[in-house]
Amino acid sequence: MARYRLSAPAKADIAAILKRSEELHGKDACIRYRACLAAAMRRVASDPKGHSTADRTELLSGIRSFHIRHSRDESRESPVANPVHVIYYFVTEPGIIEIVRVLHDRMEPREYLARISHTAQ
C-alpha cells in the first residue's frame, strides 16, 4: 500500500490553507477542500509518477508536483469547484512519498523550496 509523509512545512501549509478556507468560504467548504487535499495526497502516493504529476527538477533535484485540481472529483464530499494548490513531493523509497510543501498555484515555488533538505536528492 502506498503511503505518504508530511514534512513540518507541509503540515503548516495545510493548516493555514484550511484555516483560510474556513474563514473565506465557511466550514462546509473547508471540509470539502480538506477531502480534496486528502484525495490528492492518496493519489500521488499511489502513483507518484502518474500522468498528472510533473517532474520539477528545475526547482530542486528529485522533486515532483501535482496540482490538486486533478483530484477534485475523487473525494466522498461534493467536488471543490476550483482547487488552487499544488503538492510538492519526493519519492523517498518504493511505496512512500514525502510531501514537503503544499503551495497556492500563484506562489513562486522556488522561494518556498529553497530551504528544503531531503535525503533523496
N, C-alpha and C. Protein backbone atom coordinates (compact mmCIF):
# COMPACT_ATOMS: atom_id res chain seq x y z
N MET A 1 0.84 -1.19 0.00
CA MET A 1 0.00 0.00 0.00
C MET A 1 0.88 1.25 0.00
N ALA A 2 0.59 2.17 -0.88
CA ALA A 2 1.35 3.41 -0.98
C ALA A 2 1.06 4.30 0.22
N ARG A 3 2.09 4.98 0.69
CA ARG A 3 1.93 5.87 1.84
C ARG A 3 2.60 7.21 1.56
N TYR A 4 2.22 8.21 2.38
CA TYR A 4 2.87 9.50 2.30
C TYR A 4 3.18 10.00 3.70
N ARG A 5 4.22 10.82 3.77
CA ARG A 5 4.60 11.51 4.99
C ARG A 5 4.53 13.00 4.70
N LEU A 6 4.19 13.76 5.72
CA LEU A 6 4.14 15.22 5.59
C LEU A 6 5.30 15.83 6.37
N SER A 7 6.04 16.70 5.71
CA SER A 7 7.09 17.45 6.41
C SER A 7 6.42 18.49 7.31
N ALA A 8 7.18 19.04 8.24
CA ALA A 8 6.64 20.09 9.11
C ALA A 8 6.13 21.29 8.30
N PRO A 9 6.88 21.76 7.29
CA PRO A 9 6.34 22.87 6.48
C PRO A 9 5.05 22.49 5.74
N ALA A 10 4.93 21.26 5.26
CA ALA A 10 3.70 20.83 4.58
C ALA A 10 2.52 20.81 5.55
N LYS A 11 2.76 20.33 6.77
CA LYS A 11 1.70 20.35 7.79
C LYS A 11 1.25 21.77 8.08
N ALA A 12 2.21 22.68 8.18
CA ALA A 12 1.88 24.09 8.43
C ALA A 12 1.12 24.68 7.24
N ASP A 13 1.54 24.32 6.02
CA ASP A 13 0.84 24.80 4.82
C ASP A 13 -0.61 24.36 4.85
N ILE A 14 -0.85 23.10 5.12
CA ILE A 14 -2.21 22.56 5.12
C ILE A 14 -3.06 23.21 6.20
N ALA A 15 -2.49 23.38 7.38
CA ALA A 15 -3.24 24.03 8.47
C ALA A 15 -3.64 25.45 8.07
N ALA A 16 -2.71 26.19 7.46
CA ALA A 16 -3.00 27.57 7.03
C ALA A 16 -4.04 27.59 5.91
N ILE A 17 -3.93 26.64 4.97
CA ILE A 17 -4.88 26.56 3.86
C ILE A 17 -6.29 26.32 4.39
N LEU A 18 -6.42 25.37 5.31
CA LEU A 18 -7.74 25.03 5.83
C LEU A 18 -8.31 26.14 6.70
N LYS A 19 -7.47 26.80 7.46
CA LYS A 19 -7.93 27.93 8.28
C LYS A 19 -8.46 29.04 7.37
N ARG A 20 -7.70 29.36 6.35
CA ARG A 20 -8.11 30.42 5.42
C ARG A 20 -9.37 30.02 4.65
N SER A 21 -9.46 28.76 4.27
CA SER A 21 -10.64 28.27 3.57
C SER A 21 -11.89 28.45 4.42
N GLU A 22 -11.78 28.10 5.69
CA GLU A 22 -12.95 28.24 6.56
C GLU A 22 -13.31 29.71 6.77
N GLU A 23 -12.29 30.56 6.91
CA GLU A 23 -12.54 32.00 7.10
C GLU A 23 -13.25 32.59 5.88
N LEU A 24 -12.79 32.22 4.69
CA LEU A 24 -13.33 32.80 3.46
C LEU A 24 -14.63 32.16 2.98
N HIS A 25 -14.73 30.85 3.16
CA HIS A 25 -15.82 30.12 2.50
C HIS A 25 -16.73 29.34 3.44
N GLY A 26 -16.38 29.26 4.71
CA GLY A 26 -17.22 28.55 5.67
C GLY A 26 -16.77 27.12 5.95
N LYS A 27 -17.38 26.55 6.97
CA LYS A 27 -16.99 25.23 7.44
C LYS A 27 -17.23 24.13 6.40
N ASP A 28 -18.38 24.16 5.71
CA ASP A 28 -18.67 23.12 4.72
C ASP A 28 -17.65 23.13 3.58
N ALA A 29 -17.29 24.30 3.11
CA ALA A 29 -16.30 24.41 2.04
C ALA A 29 -14.94 23.92 2.53
N CYS A 30 -14.61 24.23 3.77
CA CYS A 30 -13.35 23.77 4.35
C CYS A 30 -13.31 22.24 4.40
N ILE A 31 -14.39 21.62 4.78
CA ILE A 31 -14.47 20.16 4.82
C ILE A 31 -14.26 19.57 3.43
N ARG A 32 -14.89 20.18 2.43
CA ARG A 32 -14.71 19.70 1.04
C ARG A 32 -13.28 19.87 0.57
N TYR A 33 -12.65 21.00 0.93
CA TYR A 33 -11.28 21.24 0.50
C TYR A 33 -10.32 20.27 1.18
N ARG A 34 -10.56 20.00 2.47
CA ARG A 34 -9.74 19.03 3.20
C ARG A 34 -9.84 17.66 2.53
N ALA A 35 -11.05 17.28 2.14
CA ALA A 35 -11.24 16.00 1.46
C ALA A 35 -10.54 15.97 0.11
N CYS A 36 -10.56 17.08 -0.60
CA CYS A 36 -9.88 17.17 -1.89
C CYS A 36 -8.36 17.03 -1.70
N LEU A 37 -7.83 17.71 -0.70
CA LEU A 37 -6.39 17.60 -0.40
C LEU A 37 -6.02 16.15 -0.05
N ALA A 38 -6.83 15.52 0.79
CA ALA A 38 -6.56 14.14 1.20
C ALA A 38 -6.61 13.20 -0.01
N ALA A 39 -7.59 13.40 -0.88
CA ALA A 39 -7.69 12.57 -2.09
C ALA A 39 -6.46 12.77 -2.97
N ALA A 40 -6.01 14.00 -3.10
CA ALA A 40 -4.83 14.29 -3.91
C ALA A 40 -3.58 13.62 -3.33
N MET A 41 -3.43 13.68 -2.02
CA MET A 41 -2.26 13.06 -1.39
C MET A 41 -2.29 11.54 -1.54
N ARG A 42 -3.46 10.94 -1.42
CA ARG A 42 -3.58 9.50 -1.63
C ARG A 42 -3.27 9.14 -3.09
N ARG A 43 -3.75 9.95 -4.01
CA ARG A 43 -3.50 9.67 -5.43
C ARG A 43 -2.02 9.74 -5.75
N VAL A 44 -1.35 10.76 -5.27
CA VAL A 44 0.08 10.91 -5.52
C VAL A 44 0.86 9.75 -4.89
N ALA A 45 0.46 9.36 -3.68
CA ALA A 45 1.14 8.25 -3.01
C ALA A 45 0.97 6.95 -3.79
N SER A 46 -0.20 6.76 -4.38
CA SER A 46 -0.46 5.52 -5.11
C SER A 46 0.19 5.50 -6.50
N ASP A 47 0.44 6.67 -7.07
CA ASP A 47 1.05 6.75 -8.41
C ASP A 47 1.92 8.01 -8.49
N PRO A 48 3.07 8.00 -7.80
CA PRO A 48 3.88 9.22 -7.69
C PRO A 48 4.44 9.76 -9.01
N LYS A 49 4.49 8.93 -10.03
CA LYS A 49 4.99 9.40 -11.32
C LYS A 49 3.89 9.32 -12.38
N GLY A 50 2.64 9.44 -11.93
CA GLY A 50 1.49 9.34 -12.82
C GLY A 50 1.43 10.46 -13.84
N HIS A 51 0.52 10.31 -14.78
CA HIS A 51 0.44 11.26 -15.90
C HIS A 51 0.05 12.68 -15.49
N SER A 52 -0.55 12.87 -14.33
CA SER A 52 -0.92 14.22 -13.89
C SER A 52 0.13 14.86 -13.00
N THR A 53 1.22 14.14 -12.78
CA THR A 53 2.31 14.70 -11.97
C THR A 53 3.36 15.32 -12.90
N ALA A 54 4.22 16.13 -12.31
CA ALA A 54 5.25 16.78 -13.12
C ALA A 54 6.61 16.68 -12.45
N ASP A 55 7.61 16.36 -13.24
CA ASP A 55 8.99 16.39 -12.76
C ASP A 55 9.39 17.85 -12.65
N ARG A 56 9.81 18.27 -11.47
CA ARG A 56 10.16 19.69 -11.25
C ARG A 56 11.62 19.84 -10.83
N THR A 57 12.51 19.07 -11.45
CA THR A 57 13.93 19.12 -11.10
C THR A 57 14.55 20.48 -11.39
N GLU A 58 13.87 21.31 -12.18
CA GLU A 58 14.40 22.67 -12.37
C GLU A 58 14.32 23.47 -11.07
N LEU A 59 13.47 23.03 -10.15
CA LEU A 59 13.34 23.68 -8.84
C LEU A 59 14.28 23.07 -7.82
N LEU A 60 14.33 21.74 -7.81
CA LEU A 60 15.10 21.01 -6.81
C LEU A 60 15.25 19.58 -7.30
N SER A 61 16.42 19.04 -7.18
CA SER A 61 16.69 17.70 -7.67
C SER A 61 15.74 16.67 -7.06
N GLY A 62 15.06 15.92 -7.92
CA GLY A 62 14.20 14.84 -7.49
C GLY A 62 12.78 15.23 -7.09
N ILE A 63 12.47 16.51 -7.12
CA ILE A 63 11.13 16.92 -6.66
C ILE A 63 10.11 16.81 -7.79
N ARG A 64 8.88 16.49 -7.40
CA ARG A 64 7.77 16.40 -8.34
C ARG A 64 6.61 17.23 -7.81
N SER A 65 5.63 17.51 -8.66
CA SER A 65 4.46 18.27 -8.22
C SER A 65 3.19 17.66 -8.77
N PHE A 66 2.10 18.01 -8.11
CA PHE A 66 0.77 17.55 -8.52
C PHE A 66 -0.23 18.62 -8.13
N HIS A 67 -0.96 19.13 -9.12
CA HIS A 67 -1.99 20.14 -8.84
C HIS A 67 -3.24 19.40 -8.36
N ILE A 68 -3.78 19.83 -7.22
CA ILE A 68 -4.90 19.08 -6.64
C ILE A 68 -6.18 19.15 -7.47
N ARG A 69 -6.24 20.02 -8.46
CA ARG A 69 -7.43 20.06 -9.32
C ARG A 69 -7.67 18.72 -10.01
N HIS A 70 -6.60 17.93 -10.17
CA HIS A 70 -6.72 16.62 -10.82
C HIS A 70 -7.44 15.60 -9.93
N SER A 71 -7.65 15.95 -8.66
CA SER A 71 -8.35 15.06 -7.73
C SER A 71 -9.66 15.66 -7.22
N ARG A 72 -10.12 16.69 -7.84
CA ARG A 72 -11.29 17.41 -7.32
C ARG A 72 -12.55 16.55 -7.26
N ASP A 73 -12.63 15.52 -8.06
CA ASP A 73 -13.82 14.65 -8.06
C ASP A 73 -13.59 13.32 -7.35
N GLU A 74 -12.46 13.17 -6.66
CA GLU A 74 -12.10 11.87 -6.10
C GLU A 74 -12.42 11.70 -4.62
N SER A 75 -12.99 12.69 -3.97
CA SER A 75 -13.30 12.54 -2.55
C SER A 75 -14.77 12.17 -2.39
N ARG A 76 -15.13 11.80 -1.18
CA ARG A 76 -16.53 11.45 -0.89
C ARG A 76 -17.40 12.69 -0.72
N GLU A 77 -16.78 13.83 -0.57
CA GLU A 77 -17.50 15.10 -0.43
C GLU A 77 -17.86 15.64 -1.81
N SER A 78 -18.71 16.64 -1.83
CA SER A 78 -19.03 17.32 -3.09
C SER A 78 -17.74 17.90 -3.66
N PRO A 79 -17.61 17.92 -4.97
CA PRO A 79 -16.37 18.43 -5.57
C PRO A 79 -16.11 19.90 -5.24
N VAL A 80 -14.85 20.23 -5.16
CA VAL A 80 -14.43 21.62 -4.99
C VAL A 80 -14.41 22.24 -6.38
N ALA A 81 -15.03 23.38 -6.54
CA ALA A 81 -15.16 23.99 -7.87
C ALA A 81 -13.82 24.35 -8.49
N ASN A 82 -12.93 24.96 -7.70
CA ASN A 82 -11.69 25.46 -8.28
C ASN A 82 -10.53 25.29 -7.30
N PRO A 83 -10.01 24.07 -7.14
CA PRO A 83 -8.86 23.89 -6.26
C PRO A 83 -7.65 24.66 -6.79
N VAL A 84 -6.89 25.28 -5.89
CA VAL A 84 -5.82 26.17 -6.33
C VAL A 84 -4.46 25.86 -5.71
N HIS A 85 -4.25 24.62 -5.24
CA HIS A 85 -2.99 24.31 -4.58
C HIS A 85 -2.24 23.19 -5.29
N VAL A 86 -0.93 23.22 -5.10
CA VAL A 86 -0.02 22.26 -5.71
C VAL A 86 0.76 21.56 -4.61
N ILE A 87 0.83 20.24 -4.71
CA ILE A 87 1.60 19.43 -3.78
C ILE A 87 2.99 19.24 -4.36
N TYR A 88 4.02 19.49 -3.57
CA TYR A 88 5.41 19.25 -3.96
C TYR A 88 5.94 18.10 -3.10
N TYR A 89 6.57 17.12 -3.75
CA TYR A 89 6.94 15.91 -3.02
C TYR A 89 8.15 15.22 -3.65
N PHE A 90 8.73 14.32 -2.85
CA PHE A 90 9.80 13.44 -3.29
C PHE A 90 9.32 12.01 -3.17
N VAL A 91 9.78 11.15 -4.05
CA VAL A 91 9.60 9.71 -3.87
C VAL A 91 10.79 9.29 -3.02
N THR A 92 10.55 8.88 -1.78
CA THR A 92 11.66 8.58 -0.88
C THR A 92 12.14 7.14 -0.97
N GLU A 93 11.19 6.25 -1.18
CA GLU A 93 11.50 4.83 -1.36
C GLU A 93 10.27 4.21 -2.00
N PRO A 94 10.38 2.99 -2.52
CA PRO A 94 9.19 2.40 -3.14
C PRO A 94 8.00 2.38 -2.19
N GLY A 95 6.89 2.94 -2.66
CA GLY A 95 5.66 2.95 -1.87
C GLY A 95 5.54 4.06 -0.86
N ILE A 96 6.53 4.96 -0.79
CA ILE A 96 6.48 6.07 0.18
C ILE A 96 6.90 7.36 -0.51
N ILE A 97 6.08 8.41 -0.32
CA ILE A 97 6.48 9.74 -0.77
C ILE A 97 6.53 10.66 0.43
N GLU A 98 7.33 11.71 0.29
CA GLU A 98 7.40 12.74 1.32
C GLU A 98 6.88 14.04 0.71
N ILE A 99 5.77 14.52 1.24
CA ILE A 99 5.20 15.79 0.79
C ILE A 99 5.90 16.89 1.57
N VAL A 100 6.58 17.78 0.84
CA VAL A 100 7.40 18.80 1.51
C VAL A 100 6.72 20.16 1.57
N ARG A 101 5.85 20.47 0.62
CA ARG A 101 5.11 21.74 0.64
C ARG A 101 3.78 21.56 -0.09
N VAL A 102 2.81 22.38 0.30
CA VAL A 102 1.53 22.49 -0.41
C VAL A 102 1.32 23.99 -0.59
N LEU A 103 1.48 24.45 -1.83
CA LEU A 103 1.50 25.89 -2.11
C LEU A 103 0.38 26.29 -3.07
N HIS A 104 -0.08 27.51 -2.90
CA HIS A 104 -1.05 28.09 -3.83
C HIS A 104 -0.40 28.13 -5.21
N ASP A 105 -1.19 27.88 -6.25
CA ASP A 105 -0.59 27.83 -7.58
C ASP A 105 -0.08 29.18 -8.08
N ARG A 106 -0.40 30.25 -7.39
CA ARG A 106 0.16 31.57 -7.76
C ARG A 106 1.47 31.88 -7.04
N MET A 107 1.84 31.05 -6.08
CA MET A 107 3.09 31.27 -5.35
C MET A 107 4.27 30.81 -6.20
N GLU A 108 5.39 31.47 -6.03
CA GLU A 108 6.61 31.08 -6.73
C GLU A 108 7.27 29.96 -5.91
N PRO A 109 7.21 28.72 -6.40
CA PRO A 109 7.70 27.60 -5.58
C PRO A 109 9.19 27.68 -5.26
N ARG A 110 9.97 28.26 -6.14
CA ARG A 110 11.42 28.35 -5.91
C ARG A 110 11.71 29.02 -4.57
N GLU A 111 10.93 30.04 -4.22
CA GLU A 111 11.14 30.75 -2.96
C GLU A 111 10.86 29.87 -1.75
N TYR A 112 9.90 28.96 -1.86
CA TYR A 112 9.47 28.14 -0.73
C TYR A 112 10.20 26.81 -0.65
N LEU A 113 10.83 26.42 -1.74
CA LEU A 113 11.55 25.15 -1.76
C LEU A 113 13.05 25.32 -1.55
N ALA A 114 13.51 26.55 -1.53
CA ALA A 114 14.95 26.82 -1.45
C ALA A 114 15.59 26.24 -0.20
N ARG A 115 14.86 26.18 0.89
CA ARG A 115 15.43 25.71 2.16
C ARG A 115 15.12 24.25 2.46
N ILE A 116 14.53 23.55 1.51
CA ILE A 116 14.18 22.15 1.71
C ILE A 116 15.44 21.30 1.62
N SER A 117 15.62 20.45 2.61
CA SER A 117 16.69 19.46 2.50
C SER A 117 16.02 18.10 2.48
N HIS A 118 16.58 17.24 1.67
CA HIS A 118 15.96 15.94 1.52
C HIS A 118 17.03 14.89 1.21
N THR A 119 16.87 13.71 1.77
CA THR A 119 17.85 12.66 1.61
C THR A 119 17.83 12.03 0.21
N ALA A 120 16.71 12.16 -0.52
CA ALA A 120 16.62 11.53 -1.84
C ALA A 120 17.25 12.37 -2.95
N GLN A 121 17.77 13.52 -2.61
CA GLN A 121 18.35 14.38 -3.65
C GLN A 121 19.60 13.80 -4.25
